């Protein structure tokens, strides 16, 4: 199995797309975790660059919307098809809403499965706050359903939502790890989805816990012969990053911290 390291576009929206991609490639990333641009010119710049430099991508579906559930479903399906244009390794999806019913969110999983059957592009549903998989216990009924699904493991949201390091959610965590085909590498803690700076020694206990989970995801994917496992270094900008009071000065440099994460992951998994 091959592990590829991706940089998020999130936090770099102010840069022209080719300048951002040059920066990512120079830093040694294998590709990007990004949304597909809405403008045709920007879209072609992205697609052409990735193809020219043989870089990987994970496409990001986060914007599905609608005044009715039926409209939301149509928007969700439309966005998945637009993401597929990027020929991504997989689509990372913010699927559903935490206030949708079980049956409504299940219907969205079925739409994603039908999309994969037709296109061959896998959808990994992110364990994200506000979405169908916002907490470990909420996945129990979905695991028992007849609708299979894959996950993007972003357990930083789960530790925040449950105000724990998931000590009481062993069965749910084990099942989630078993279907994780993408990792969003960010360290959350009991009171937030992102530690202020993972280089601070006070967060060593968090790093040990997250790497244990990531080790298990890597091992599972090796066992089932997953060809490529993408890992996105996803330390984010404000408001995930804490800014200094009154000045709005960023507490640290997002890209530098993501490079730190990249080196930790590269060393651990021999990339």
C-alpha atoms as a PDB file:
ATOM      1  CA  UNK A   1       0.000   0.000   0.000  1.00  0.00           C
ATOM      2  CA  UNK A   2       1.121   3.513  -0.798  1.00  0.00           C
ATOM      3  CA  UNK A   3       0.504   6.433   1.551  1.00  0.00           C
ATOM      4  CA  UNK A   4       0.260   9.841  -0.110  1.00  0.00           C
ATOM      5  CA  UNK A   5       0.421  13.133   1.764  1.00  0.00           C
ATOM      6  CA  UNK A   6      -1.913  15.923   0.746  1.00  0.00           C
ATOM      7  CA  UNK A   7      -2.024  19.611   1.568  1.00  0.00           C
ATOM      8  CA  UNK A   8      -5.378  21.272   2.160  1.00  0.00           C
ATOM      9  CA  UNK A   9      -6.402  24.198  -0.010  1.00  0.00           C
ATOM     10  CA  UNK A  10      -8.275  25.429   3.068  1.00  0.00           C
ATOM     11  CA  UNK A  11      -6.414  28.425   4.452  1.00  0.00           C
ATOM     12  CA  UNK A  12      -4.755  29.327   1.139  1.00  0.00           C
ATOM     13  CA  UNK A  13      -7.736  30.748  -0.720  1.00  0.00           C
ATOM     14  CA  UNK A  14      -5.962  34.097  -1.099  1.00  0.00           C
ATOM     15  CA  UNK A  15      -3.226  32.616  -3.300  1.00  0.00           C
ATOM     16  CA  UNK A  16      -3.573  32.202  -7.070  1.00  0.00           C
ATOM     17  CA  UNK A  17      -4.088  28.508  -7.619  1.00  0.00           C
ATOM     18  CA  UNK A  18      -0.853  27.825  -9.515  1.00  0.00           C
ATOM     19  CA  UNK A  19       1.218  29.669  -6.888  1.00  0.00           C
ATOM     20  CA  UNK A  20      -0.404  27.587  -4.169  1.00  0.00           C
ATOM     21  CA  UNK A  21       0.238  24.367  -6.102  1.00  0.00           C
ATOM     22  CA  UNK A  22       3.882  25.350  -6.689  1.00  0.00           C
ATOM     23  CA  UNK A  23       4.243  25.902  -2.943  1.00  0.00           C
ATOM     24  CA  UNK A  24       2.704  22.527  -2.146  1.00  0.00           C
ATOM     25  CA  UNK A  25       4.827  20.659  -4.679  1.00  0.00           C
ATOM     26  CA  UNK A  26       8.031  22.371  -3.521  1.00  0.00           C
ATOM     27  CA  UNK A  27       7.236  21.290   0.036  1.00  0.00           C
ATOM     28  CA  UNK A  28       7.187  17.651  -1.041  1.00  0.00           C
ATOM     29  CA  UNK A  29       3.476  16.938  -0.891  1.00  0.00           C
ATOM     30  CA  UNK A  30       2.070  14.334  -3.246  1.00  0.00           C
ATOM     31  CA  UNK A  31      -1.068  16.341  -3.968  1.00  0.00           C
ATOM     32  CA  UNK A  32      -3.943  18.379  -2.568  1.00  0.00           C
ATOM     33  CA  UNK A  33      -7.200  18.027  -0.681  1.00  0.00           C
ATOM     34  CA  UNK A  34      -9.386  20.604  -2.377  1.00  0.00           C
ATOM     35  CA  UNK A  35     -12.795  21.645  -3.592  1.00  0.00           C
ATOM     36  CA  UNK A  36     -13.333  21.870  -7.331  1.00  0.00           C
ATOM     37  CA  UNK A  37     -13.334  25.522  -8.445  1.00  0.00           C
ATOM     38  CA  UNK A  38     -16.601  26.862  -9.811  1.00  0.00           C
ATOM     39  CA  UNK A  39     -14.909  29.034 -12.439  1.00  0.00           C
ATOM     40  CA  UNK A  40     -13.986  27.164 -15.628  1.00  0.00           C
ATOM     41  CA  UNK A  41     -10.574  28.842 -15.951  1.00  0.00           C
ATOM     42  CA  UNK A  42      -9.577  28.021 -12.358  1.00  0.00           C
ATOM     43  CA  UNK A  43     -10.864  24.487 -12.763  1.00  0.00           C
ATOM     44  CA  UNK A  44      -8.737  23.894 -15.864  1.00  0.00           C
ATOM     45  CA  UNK A  45      -5.657  25.374 -14.188  1.00  0.00           C
ATOM     46  CA  UNK A  46      -6.095  22.934 -11.318  1.00  0.00           C
ATOM     47  CA  UNK A  47      -6.782  19.878 -13.463  1.00  0.00           C
ATOM     48  CA  UNK A  48      -3.959  20.619 -15.914  1.00  0.00           C
ATOM     49  CA  UNK A  49      -1.434  21.234 -13.122  1.00  0.00           C
ATOM     50  CA  UNK A  50      -2.295  18.012 -11.326  1.00  0.00           C
ATOM     51  CA  UNK A  51      -2.039  16.032 -14.532  1.00  0.00           C
ATOM     52  CA  UNK A  52       1.203  17.666 -15.680  1.00  0.00           C
ATOM     53  CA  UNK A  53       2.983  17.063 -12.382  1.00  0.00           C
ATOM     54  CA  UNK A  54       1.315  13.703 -11.670  1.00  0.00           C
ATOM     55  CA  UNK A  55      -0.080  14.905  -8.366  1.00  0.00           C
ATOM     56  CA  UNK A  56      -2.965  13.293  -6.495  1.00  0.00           C
ATOM     57  CA  UNK A  57      -6.148  14.928  -5.309  1.00  0.00           C
ATOM     58  CA  UNK A  58      -9.022  14.345  -2.947  1.00  0.00           C
ATOM     59  CA  UNK A  59     -12.067  16.356  -3.986  1.00  0.00           C
ATOM     60  CA  UNK A  60     -14.123  17.984  -1.277  1.00  0.00           C
ATOM     61  CA  UNK A  61     -17.940  17.995  -1.169  1.00  0.00           C
ATOM     62  CA  UNK A  62     -19.150  20.342   1.527  1.00  0.00           C
ATOM     63  CA  UNK A  63     -21.660  22.716  -0.035  1.00  0.00           C
ATOM     64  CA  UNK A  64     -24.821  20.646  -0.585  1.00  0.00           C
ATOM     65  CA  UNK A  65     -27.856  22.739   0.287  1.00  0.00           C
ATOM     66  CA  UNK A  66     -31.583  23.079  -0.270  1.00  0.00           C
ATOM     67  CA  UNK A  67     -34.731  24.488   1.310  1.00  0.00           C
ATOM     68  CA  UNK A  68     -36.271  21.019   1.233  1.00  0.00           C
ATOM     69  CA  UNK A  69     -34.706  17.609   1.712  1.00  0.00           C
ATOM     70  CA  UNK A  70     -35.459  16.753  -1.910  1.00  0.00           C
ATOM     71  CA  UNK A  71     -33.520  19.840  -3.030  1.00  0.00           C
ATOM     72  CA  UNK A  72     -30.665  18.908  -0.698  1.00  0.00           C
ATOM     73  CA  UNK A  73     -30.479  15.441  -2.265  1.00  0.00           C
ATOM     74  CA  UNK A  74     -30.303  16.899  -5.762  1.00  0.00           C
ATOM     75  CA  UNK A  75     -27.596  19.351  -4.703  1.00  0.00           C
ATOM     76  CA  UNK A  76     -25.636  16.555  -3.024  1.00  0.00           C
ATOM     77  CA  UNK A  77     -25.755  14.357  -6.142  1.00  0.00           C
ATOM     78  CA  UNK A  78     -24.808  17.303  -8.375  1.00  0.00           C
ATOM     79  CA  UNK A  79     -21.812  18.156  -6.197  1.00  0.00           C
ATOM     80  CA  UNK A  80     -20.558  14.567  -6.192  1.00  0.00           C
ATOM     81  CA  UNK A  81     -20.618  14.518  -9.988  1.00  0.00           C
ATOM     82  CA  UNK A  82     -18.731  17.826 -10.151  1.00  0.00           C
ATOM     83  CA  UNK A  83     -16.114  16.466  -7.734  1.00  0.00           C
ATOM     84  CA  UNK A  84     -15.636  13.432  -9.986  1.00  0.00           C
ATOM     85  CA  UNK A  85     -14.427  15.732 -12.788  1.00  0.00           C
ATOM     86  CA  UNK A  86     -11.133  16.067 -10.916  1.00  0.00           C
ATOM     87  CA  UNK A  87     -10.450  12.307 -11.216  1.00  0.00           C
ATOM     88  CA  UNK A  88      -9.753  12.215  -7.477  1.00  0.00           C
ATOM     89  CA  UNK A  89      -8.475   9.360  -5.351  1.00  0.00           C
ATOM     90  CA  UNK A  90     -11.784   9.726  -3.561  1.00  0.00           C
ATOM     91  CA  UNK A  91     -14.325  12.351  -2.603  1.00  0.00           C
ATOM     92  CA  UNK A  92     -14.233  13.634   0.957  1.00  0.00           C
ATOM     93  CA  UNK A  93     -17.843  14.452   1.798  1.00  0.00           C
ATOM     94  CA  UNK A  94     -19.500  16.529   4.497  1.00  0.00           C
ATOM     95  CA  UNK A  95     -22.604  14.382   4.285  1.00  0.00           C
ATOM     96  CA  UNK A  96     -26.026  15.277   5.628  1.00  0.00           C
ATOM     97  CA  UNK A  97     -26.855  17.222   8.758  1.00  0.00           C
ATOM     98  CA  UNK A  98     -26.898  16.335  12.434  1.00  0.00           C
ATOM     99  CA  UNK A  99     -30.544  17.450  12.556  1.00  0.00           C
ATOM    100  CA  UNK A 100     -31.666  15.299   9.607  1.00  0.00           C
ATOM    101  CA  UNK A 101     -33.513  12.132  10.564  1.00  0.00           C
ATOM    102  CA  UNK A 102     -31.785   8.774  10.450  1.00  0.00           C
ATOM    103  CA  UNK A 103     -33.748   7.874   7.321  1.00  0.00           C
ATOM    104  CA  UNK A 104     -32.813  11.138   5.585  1.00  0.00           C
ATOM    105  CA  UNK A 105     -29.108  10.693   6.228  1.00  0.00           C
ATOM    106  CA  UNK A 106     -29.402   7.050   5.194  1.00  0.00           C
ATOM    107  CA  UNK A 107     -30.931   8.202   1.896  1.00  0.00           C
ATOM    108  CA  UNK A 108     -27.846  10.366   1.307  1.00  0.00           C
ATOM    109  CA  UNK A 109     -25.569   7.382   1.912  1.00  0.00           C
ATOM    110  CA  UNK A 110     -27.594   5.491  -0.680  1.00  0.00           C
ATOM    111  CA  UNK A 111     -27.144   8.356  -3.163  1.00  0.00           C
ATOM    112  CA  UNK A 112     -23.384   8.246  -2.567  1.00  0.00           C
ATOM    113  CA  UNK A 113     -23.312   4.459  -3.029  1.00  0.00           C
ATOM    114  CA  UNK A 114     -25.279   4.709  -6.268  1.00  0.00           C
ATOM    115  CA  UNK A 115     -22.873   7.409  -7.457  1.00  0.00           C
ATOM    116  CA  UNK A 116     -19.881   5.144  -6.701  1.00  0.00           C
ATOM    117  CA  UNK A 117     -21.510   2.208  -8.480  1.00  0.00           C
ATOM    118  CA  UNK A 118     -21.959   4.348 -11.598  1.00  0.00           C
ATOM    119  CA  UNK A 119     -18.640   6.202 -11.627  1.00  0.00           C
ATOM    120  CA  UNK A 120     -16.196   4.038  -9.671  1.00  0.00           C
ATOM    121  CA  UNK A 121     -15.258   7.072  -7.555  1.00  0.00           C
ATOM    122  CA  UNK A 122     -15.341   6.293  -3.843  1.00  0.00           C
ATOM    123  CA  UNK A 123     -16.972   8.640  -1.348  1.00  0.00           C
ATOM    124  CA  UNK A 124     -15.515   8.870   2.160  1.00  0.00           C
ATOM    125  CA  UNK A 125     -17.881  10.589   4.567  1.00  0.00           C
ATOM    126  CA  UNK A 126     -16.028  12.803   7.021  1.00  0.00           C
ATOM    127  CA  UNK A 127     -16.602  12.419  10.754  1.00  0.00           C
ATOM    128  CA  UNK A 128     -17.360  16.108  11.056  1.00  0.00           C
ATOM    129  CA  UNK A 129     -19.408  18.171  13.472  1.00  0.00           C
ATOM    130  CA  UNK A 130     -22.814  19.136  12.160  1.00  0.00           C
ATOM    131  CA  UNK A 131     -22.963  16.160   9.768  1.00  0.00           C
ATOM    132  CA  UNK A 132     -24.434  12.682   9.982  1.00  0.00           C
ATOM    133  CA  UNK A 133     -21.282  11.255  11.590  1.00  0.00           C
ATOM    134  CA  UNK A 134     -20.732  14.065  14.078  1.00  0.00           C
ATOM    135  CA  UNK A 135     -20.208  11.726  17.048  1.00  0.00           C
ATOM    136  CA  UNK A 136     -19.211   8.074  17.459  1.00  0.00           C
ATOM    137  CA  UNK A 137     -22.445   6.948  19.092  1.00  0.00           C
ATOM    138  CA  UNK A 138     -24.530   8.415  16.252  1.00  0.00           C
ATOM    139  CA  UNK A 139     -22.953   5.945  13.814  1.00  0.00           C
ATOM    140  CA  UNK A 140     -24.261   2.866  15.629  1.00  0.00           C
ATOM    141  CA  UNK A 141     -27.534   2.669  13.703  1.00  0.00           C
ATOM    142  CA  UNK A 142     -25.791   3.390  10.401  1.00  0.00           C
ATOM    143  CA  UNK A 143     -23.367   0.516  10.976  1.00  0.00           C
ATOM    144  CA  UNK A 144     -26.370  -1.748  11.557  1.00  0.00           C
ATOM    145  CA  UNK A 145     -28.051  -0.649   8.318  1.00  0.00           C
ATOM    146  CA  UNK A 146     -27.807  -2.295   4.901  1.00  0.00           C
ATOM    147  CA  UNK A 147     -26.077   0.785   3.453  1.00  0.00           C
ATOM    148  CA  UNK A 148     -22.285   0.359   3.510  1.00  0.00           C
ATOM    149  CA  UNK A 149     -20.133   3.463   3.758  1.00  0.00           C
ATOM    150  CA  UNK A 150     -16.525   4.579   3.993  1.00  0.00           C
ATOM    151  CA  UNK A 151     -15.184   7.295   6.265  1.00  0.00           C
ATOM    152  CA  UNK A 152     -12.654  10.073   6.305  1.00  0.00           C
ATOM    153  CA  UNK A 153     -11.325   9.760   9.842  1.00  0.00           C
ATOM    154  CA  UNK A 154     -11.216  13.179  11.437  1.00  0.00           C
ATOM    155  CA  UNK A 155     -11.440  12.164  15.049  1.00  0.00           C
ATOM    156  CA  UNK A 156     -10.552  15.705  16.159  1.00  0.00           C
ATOM    157  CA  UNK A 157     -14.288  16.441  15.877  1.00  0.00           C
ATOM    158  CA  UNK A 158     -15.265  13.421  17.956  1.00  0.00           C
ATOM    159  CA  UNK A 159     -12.963  14.268  20.853  1.00  0.00           C
ATOM    160  CA  UNK A 160     -14.403  17.774  20.867  1.00  0.00           C
ATOM    161  CA  UNK A 161     -18.062  16.677  20.660  1.00  0.00           C
ATOM    162  CA  UNK A 162     -17.700  14.000  23.363  1.00  0.00           C
ATOM    163  CA  UNK A 163     -15.310  16.065  25.525  1.00  0.00           C
ATOM    164  CA  UNK A 164     -13.116  13.000  25.824  1.00  0.00           C
ATOM    165  CA  UNK A 165     -10.295  11.082  24.225  1.00  0.00           C
ATOM    166  CA  UNK A 166     -12.944   8.523  23.216  1.00  0.00           C
ATOM    167  CA  UNK A 167     -12.236   6.237  26.163  1.00  0.00           C
ATOM    168  CA  UNK A 168     -15.895   5.154  26.320  1.00  0.00           C
ATOM    169  CA  UNK A 169     -16.439   4.572  22.599  1.00  0.00           C
ATOM    170  CA  UNK A 170     -14.221   1.589  21.852  1.00  0.00           C
ATOM    171  CA  UNK A 171     -16.697  -0.434  19.722  1.00  0.00           C
ATOM    172  CA  UNK A 172     -17.739   2.547  17.606  1.00  0.00           C
ATOM    173  CA  UNK A 173     -14.135   3.655  17.171  1.00  0.00           C
ATOM    174  CA  UNK A 174     -13.088   0.165  16.089  1.00  0.00           C
ATOM    175  CA  UNK A 175     -15.810   0.012  13.435  1.00  0.00           C
ATOM    176  CA  UNK A 176     -15.004   3.522  12.211  1.00  0.00           C
ATOM    177  CA  UNK A 177     -11.314   2.679  11.912  1.00  0.00           C
ATOM    178  CA  UNK A 178     -12.223  -0.416   9.917  1.00  0.00           C
ATOM    179  CA  UNK A 179     -13.957   1.615   7.185  1.00  0.00           C
ATOM    180  CA  UNK A 180     -11.608   4.625   7.142  1.00  0.00           C
ATOM    181  CA  UNK A 181      -9.980   5.167   3.742  1.00  0.00           C
ATOM    182  CA  UNK A 182      -8.713   8.724   4.267  1.00  0.00           C
ATOM    183  CA  UNK A 183      -7.241  10.520   7.269  1.00  0.00           C
ATOM    184  CA  UNK A 184      -7.569  14.176   8.140  1.00  0.00           C
ATOM    185  CA  UNK A 185      -4.491  14.541  10.302  1.00  0.00           C
ATOM    186  CA  UNK A 186      -5.242  17.123  12.937  1.00  0.00           C
ATOM    187  CA  UNK A 187      -4.992  16.896  16.711  1.00  0.00           C
ATOM    188  CA  UNK A 188      -8.154  17.838  18.553  1.00  0.00           C
ATOM    189  CA  UNK A 189      -8.597  17.891  22.302  1.00  0.00           C
ATOM    190  CA  UNK A 190     -11.408  17.652  24.799  1.00  0.00           C
ATOM    191  CA  UNK A 191     -12.524  21.266  24.355  1.00  0.00           C
ATOM    192  CA  UNK A 192     -11.787  21.916  20.708  1.00  0.00           C
ATOM    193  CA  UNK A 193     -11.193  20.393  17.258  1.00  0.00           C
ATOM    194  CA  UNK A 194      -7.628  21.725  17.031  1.00  0.00           C
ATOM    195  CA  UNK A 195      -4.886  22.196  19.613  1.00  0.00           C
ATOM    196  CA  UNK A 196      -3.335  25.681  19.485  1.00  0.00           C
ATOM    197  CA  UNK A 197       0.041  24.328  18.311  1.00  0.00           C
ATOM    198  CA  UNK A 198       0.902  20.605  18.212  1.00  0.00           C
ATOM    199  CA  UNK A 199       4.589  21.407  18.656  1.00  0.00           C
ATOM    200  CA  UNK A 200       3.854  22.432  22.262  1.00  0.00           C
ATOM    201  CA  UNK A 201       4.899  19.555  24.592  1.00  0.00           C
ATOM    202  CA  UNK A 202       1.693  19.906  26.617  1.00  0.00           C
ATOM    203  CA  UNK A 203      -0.151  18.149  23.774  1.00  0.00           C
ATOM    204  CA  UNK A 204       1.988  15.005  23.731  1.00  0.00           C
ATOM    205  CA  UNK A 205      -0.807  12.936  25.265  1.00  0.00           C
ATOM    206  CA  UNK A 206      -3.099  13.986  22.401  1.00  0.00           C
ATOM    207  CA  UNK A 207      -0.520  13.171  19.728  1.00  0.00           C
ATOM    208  CA  UNK A 208       0.078   9.698  21.195  1.00  0.00           C
ATOM    209  CA  UNK A 209      -3.647   8.952  21.144  1.00  0.00           C
ATOM    210  CA  UNK A 210      -4.209  10.162  17.584  1.00  0.00           C
ATOM    211  CA  UNK A 211      -1.191   8.325  16.214  1.00  0.00           C
ATOM    212  CA  UNK A 212      -2.463   5.134  17.846  1.00  0.00           C
ATOM    213  CA  UNK A 213      -5.721   5.514  15.901  1.00  0.00           C
ATOM    214  CA  UNK A 214      -3.904   6.388  12.684  1.00  0.00           C
ATOM    215  CA  UNK A 215      -1.587   3.395  13.122  1.00  0.00           C
ATOM    216  CA  UNK A 216      -4.663   1.171  13.284  1.00  0.00           C
ATOM    217  CA  UNK A 217      -6.132   2.748  10.140  1.00  0.00           C
ATOM    218  CA  UNK A 218      -2.864   2.218   8.267  1.00  0.00           C
ATOM    219  CA  UNK A 219      -2.686  -1.397   9.456  1.00  0.00           C
ATOM    220  CA  UNK A 220      -6.274  -2.116   8.366  1.00  0.00           C
ATOM    221  CA  UNK A 221      -5.665  -0.665   4.928  1.00  0.00           C
ATOM    222  CA  UNK A 222      -2.458  -2.646   4.516  1.00  0.00           C
ATOM    223  CA  UNK A 223      -4.357  -5.796   5.490  1.00  0.00           C
ATOM    224  CA  UNK A 224      -7.125  -5.280   2.906  1.00  0.00           C
ATOM    225  CA  UNK A 225      -4.647  -4.205   0.197  1.00  0.00           C
ATOM    226  CA  UNK A 226      -5.918  -0.658  -0.239  1.00  0.00           C
ATOM    227  CA  UNK A 227      -3.793   0.623  -3.149  1.00  0.00           C
ATOM    228  CA  UNK A 228      -3.444   4.220  -1.931  1.00  0.00           C
ATOM    229  CA  UNK A 229      -4.253   5.737   1.458  1.00  0.00           C
ATOM    230  CA  UNK A 230      -4.388   9.555   1.367  1.00  0.00           C
ATOM    231  CA  UNK A 231      -3.516  11.499   4.502  1.00  0.00           C
ATOM    232  CA  UNK A 232      -4.235  15.228   4.594  1.00  0.00           C
ATOM    233  CA  UNK A 233      -2.296  17.385   7.050  1.00  0.00           C
ATOM    234  CA  UNK A 234      -5.260  19.464   8.123  1.00  0.00           C
ATOM    235  CA  UNK A 235      -4.172  21.963  10.741  1.00  0.00           C
ATOM    236  CA  UNK A 236      -6.499  24.802   9.826  1.00  0.00           C
ATOM    237  CA  UNK A 237      -6.626  28.598   9.731  1.00  0.00           C
ATOM    238  CA  UNK A 238      -8.808  30.888  11.838  1.00  0.00           C
ATOM    239  CA  UNK A 239     -11.305  30.177  13.386  1.00  0.00           C
ATOM    240  CA  UNK A 240      -9.815  26.726  14.018  1.00  0.00           C
ATOM    241  CA  UNK A 241      -6.530  28.444  14.771  1.00  0.00           C
ATOM    242  CA  UNK A 242      -6.651  30.722  17.778  1.00  0.00           C
ATOM    243  CA  UNK A 243      -5.868  34.369  17.019  1.00  0.00           C
ATOM    244  CA  UNK A 244      -4.350  36.795  19.483  1.00  0.00           C
ATOM    245  CA  UNK A 245      -6.975  38.884  21.306  1.00  0.00           C
ATOM    246  CA  UNK A 246      -7.705  42.321  19.831  1.00  0.00           C
ATOM    247  CA  UNK A 247      -4.984  42.164  17.163  1.00  0.00           C
ATOM    248  CA  UNK A 248      -6.372  39.235  15.097  1.00  0.00           C
ATOM    249  CA  UNK A 249      -2.749  38.129  14.715  1.00  0.00           C
ATOM    250  CA  UNK A 250      -2.510  34.398  13.981  1.00  0.00           C
ATOM    251  CA  UNK A 251      -1.084  32.426  16.867  1.00  0.00           C
ATOM    252  CA  UNK A 252       1.164  30.401  14.562  1.00  0.00           C
ATOM    253  CA  UNK A 253       1.798  29.730  10.878  1.00  0.00           C
ATOM    254  CA  UNK A 254      -0.639  27.194   9.419  1.00  0.00           C
ATOM    255  CA  UNK A 255       1.609  25.959   6.625  1.00  0.00           C
ATOM    256  CA  UNK A 256       4.598  25.538   8.965  1.00  0.00           C
ATOM    257  CA  UNK A 257       2.520  23.461  11.373  1.00  0.00           C
ATOM    258  CA  UNK A 258       1.238  21.305   8.521  1.00  0.00           C
ATOM    259  CA  UNK A 259       4.817  20.726   7.398  1.00  0.00           C
ATOM    260  CA  UNK A 260       5.588  19.653  10.968  1.00  0.00           C
ATOM    261  CA  UNK A 261       2.686  17.173  10.778  1.00  0.00           C
ATOM    262  CA  UNK A 262       3.898  16.033   7.381  1.00  0.00           C
ATOM    263  CA  UNK A 263       7.342  15.231   8.772  1.00  0.00           C
ATOM    264  CA  UNK A 264       5.899  13.377  11.766  1.00  0.00           C
ATOM    265  CA  UNK A 265       3.739  11.239   9.485  1.00  0.00           C
ATOM    266  CA  UNK A 266       6.509  10.687   6.938  1.00  0.00           C
ATOM    267  CA  UNK A 267       8.900   9.503   9.630  1.00  0.00           C
ATOM    268  CA  UNK A 268       6.356   7.234  11.317  1.00  0.00           C
ATOM    269  CA  UNK A 269       5.235   5.479   8.139  1.00  0.00           C
ATOM    270  CA  UNK A 270       8.457   5.576   6.172  1.00  0.00           C
ATOM    271  CA  UNK A 271       7.109   7.729   3.362  1.00  0.00           C
END
